[in-house]
Amino acid sequence: MEAKTWRISVFVTEDDARTRAEAVLTTTAGTELRSVGMARRNPADRDVPEIGDELAVCRALNGLAHDLLEAAVMDVEQNVGAEASIDL
């Protein structure tokens, strides 16, 4: 059996009280999906950058998972020729 490697890269940037994370999935076949997650620190909160990183990355990965599911549904529908319902 051949093993496939799909890679996810996450890029995190911070600007004042905002954190932006971009998650990029690249498949062995060369398909690429991208999603962005944002987090904003309330000015009244302590400055703990890791919390913003965690939230932004979580949101980016969640969006990426949603986009991947949508791509799978579209692929199934194109190959079956009917509406697909995929449960997780």
C-alpha atoms as a PDB file:
ATOM      1  CA  MET A   1       0.000   0.000   0.000  1.00  0.00           C
ATOM      2  CA  GLU A   2       1.282   3.442  -0.938  1.00  0.00           C
ATOM      3  CA  ALA A   3       1.365   6.096   1.770  1.00  0.00           C
ATOM      4  CA  LYS A   4       0.296   9.604   0.851  1.00  0.00           C
ATOM      5  CA  THR A   5       1.477  12.721   2.599  1.00  0.00           C
ATOM      6  CA  TRP A   6      -0.780  15.735   2.895  1.00  0.00           C
ATOM      7  CA  ARG A   7       0.826  18.787   4.414  1.00  0.00           C
ATOM      8  CA  ILE A   8      -0.747  21.546   6.446  1.00  0.00           C
ATOM      9  CA  SER A   9       1.217  24.729   6.988  1.00  0.00           C
ATOM     10  CA  VAL A  10      -0.015  27.380   9.378  1.00  0.00           C
ATOM     11  CA  PHE A  11       1.242  30.950   9.188  1.00  0.00           C
ATOM     12  CA  VAL A  12       0.545  33.211  12.173  1.00  0.00           C
ATOM     13  CA  THR A  13       0.980  36.982  12.206  1.00  0.00           C
ATOM     14  CA  GLU A  14       0.214  39.473  14.951  1.00  0.00           C
ATOM     15  CA  ASP A  15      -0.623  43.154  14.641  1.00  0.00           C
ATOM     16  CA  ASP A  16      -1.290  45.033  17.875  1.00  0.00           C
ATOM     17  CA  ALA A  17      -4.303  43.267  19.431  1.00  0.00           C
ATOM     18  CA  ARG A  18      -5.131  41.150  16.350  1.00  0.00           C
ATOM     19  CA  THR A  19      -3.838  37.750  15.310  1.00  0.00           C
ATOM     20  CA  ARG A  20      -4.246  36.245  11.841  1.00  0.00           C
ATOM     21  CA  ALA A  21      -3.632  32.600  11.006  1.00  0.00           C
ATOM     22  CA  GLU A  22      -3.633  31.141   7.507  1.00  0.00           C
ATOM     23  CA  ALA A  23      -3.838  27.358   7.171  1.00  0.00           C
ATOM     24  CA  VAL A  24      -2.790  25.840   3.848  1.00  0.00           C
ATOM     25  CA  LEU A  25      -3.455  22.192   2.966  1.00  0.00           C
ATOM     26  CA  THR A  26      -1.503  20.691   0.077  1.00  0.00           C
ATOM     27  CA  THR A  27      -2.355  17.183  -1.103  1.00  0.00           C
ATOM     28  CA  THR A  28      -0.098  14.688  -2.846  1.00  0.00           C
ATOM     29  CA  ALA A  29      -2.058  15.390  -6.054  1.00  0.00           C
ATOM     30  CA  GLY A  30      -1.228  19.094  -5.739  1.00  0.00           C
ATOM     31  CA  THR A  31      -4.639  20.311  -4.612  1.00  0.00           C
ATOM     32  CA  GLU A  32      -4.372  23.319  -2.324  1.00  0.00           C
ATOM     33  CA  LEU A  33      -6.981  24.635   0.100  1.00  0.00           C
ATOM     34  CA  ARG A  34      -6.567  27.777   2.228  1.00  0.00           C
ATOM     35  CA  SER A  35      -8.461  29.201   5.160  1.00  0.00           C
ATOM     36  CA  VAL A  36      -7.928  32.210   7.406  1.00  0.00           C
ATOM     37  CA  GLY A  37      -8.787  32.586  11.082  1.00  0.00           C
ATOM     38  CA  MET A  38      -8.710  35.786  13.089  1.00  0.00           C
ATOM     39  CA  ALA A  39      -8.596  36.626  16.787  1.00  0.00           C
ATOM     40  CA  ARG A  40      -8.760  39.970  18.548  1.00  0.00           C
ATOM     41  CA  ARG A  41      -7.721  40.715  22.103  1.00  0.00           C
ATOM     42  CA  ASN A  42     -10.084  42.772  24.186  1.00  0.00           C
ATOM     43  CA  PRO A  43      -8.151  45.868  25.335  1.00  0.00           C
ATOM     44  CA  ALA A  44      -9.183  45.086  28.924  1.00  0.00           C
ATOM     45  CA  ASP A  45      -7.556  41.611  28.786  1.00  0.00           C
ATOM     46  CA  ARG A  46      -3.963  40.814  29.700  1.00  0.00           C
ATOM     47  CA  ASP A  47      -1.559  40.540  26.756  1.00  0.00           C
ATOM     48  CA  VAL A  48      -1.094  36.764  26.322  1.00  0.00           C
ATOM     49  CA  PRO A  49      -0.206  36.326  22.635  1.00  0.00           C
ATOM     50  CA  GLU A  50      -0.461  32.523  22.723  1.00  0.00           C
ATOM     51  CA  ILE A  51      -4.217  32.745  23.371  1.00  0.00           C
ATOM     52  CA  GLY A  52      -4.731  34.790  20.210  1.00  0.00           C
ATOM     53  CA  ASP A  53      -2.541  32.337  18.295  1.00  0.00           C
ATOM     54  CA  GLU A  54      -4.587  29.388  19.558  1.00  0.00           C
ATOM     55  CA  LEU A  55      -7.914  30.981  18.657  1.00  0.00           C
ATOM     56  CA  ALA A  56      -6.816  32.183  15.225  1.00  0.00           C
ATOM     57  CA  VAL A  57      -5.232  28.823  14.333  1.00  0.00           C
ATOM     58  CA  CYS A  58      -8.273  26.934  15.591  1.00  0.00           C
ATOM     59  CA  ARG A  59     -10.547  29.062  13.432  1.00  0.00           C
ATOM     60  CA  ALA A  60      -8.306  28.636  10.380  1.00  0.00           C
ATOM     61  CA  LEU A  61      -8.153  24.849  10.805  1.00  0.00           C
ATOM     62  CA  ASN A  62     -11.902  24.670  11.394  1.00  0.00           C
ATOM     63  CA  GLY A  63     -12.479  26.597   8.167  1.00  0.00           C
ATOM     64  CA  LEU A  64     -10.041  24.329   6.366  1.00  0.00           C
ATOM     65  CA  ALA A  65     -11.910  21.248   7.603  1.00  0.00           C
ATOM     66  CA  HIS A  66     -15.194  22.739   6.383  1.00  0.00           C
ATOM     67  CA  ASP A  67     -13.709  23.552   2.968  1.00  0.00           C
ATOM     68  CA  LEU A  68     -12.263  20.044   2.668  1.00  0.00           C
ATOM     69  CA  LEU A  69     -15.650  18.503   3.449  1.00  0.00           C
ATOM     70  CA  GLU A  70     -17.310  20.733   0.849  1.00  0.00           C
ATOM     71  CA  ALA A  71     -14.693  19.682  -1.727  1.00  0.00           C
ATOM     72  CA  ALA A  72     -15.317  16.006  -0.922  1.00  0.00           C
ATOM     73  CA  VAL A  73     -19.084  16.445  -1.310  1.00  0.00           C
ATOM     74  CA  MET A  74     -18.609  18.148  -4.671  1.00  0.00           C
ATOM     75  CA  ASP A  75     -16.263  15.370  -5.839  1.00  0.00           C
ATOM     76  CA  VAL A  76     -18.738  12.669  -4.788  1.00  0.00           C
ATOM     77  CA  GLU A  77     -21.607  14.464  -6.528  1.00  0.00           C
ATOM     78  CA  GLN A  78     -19.596  14.852  -9.744  1.00  0.00           C
ATOM     79  CA  ASN A  79     -18.648  11.179  -9.751  1.00  0.00           C
ATOM     80  CA  VAL A  80     -22.043   9.805  -8.728  1.00  0.00           C
ATOM     81  CA  GLY A  81     -24.163  12.287 -10.657  1.00  0.00           C
ATOM     82  CA  ALA A  82     -26.498  12.883  -7.726  1.00  0.00           C
ATOM     83  CA  GLU A  83     -26.726  14.957  -4.574  1.00  0.00           C
ATOM     84  CA  ALA A  84     -24.478  13.617  -1.828  1.00  0.00           C
ATOM     85  CA  SER A  85     -24.922  13.547   1.918  1.00  0.00           C
ATOM     86  CA  ILE A  86     -21.745  12.856   3.875  1.00  0.00           C
ATOM     87  CA  ASP A  87     -21.806  12.344   7.620  1.00  0.00           C
ATOM     88  CA  LEU A  88     -18.770  12.923   9.800  1.00  0.00           C
END
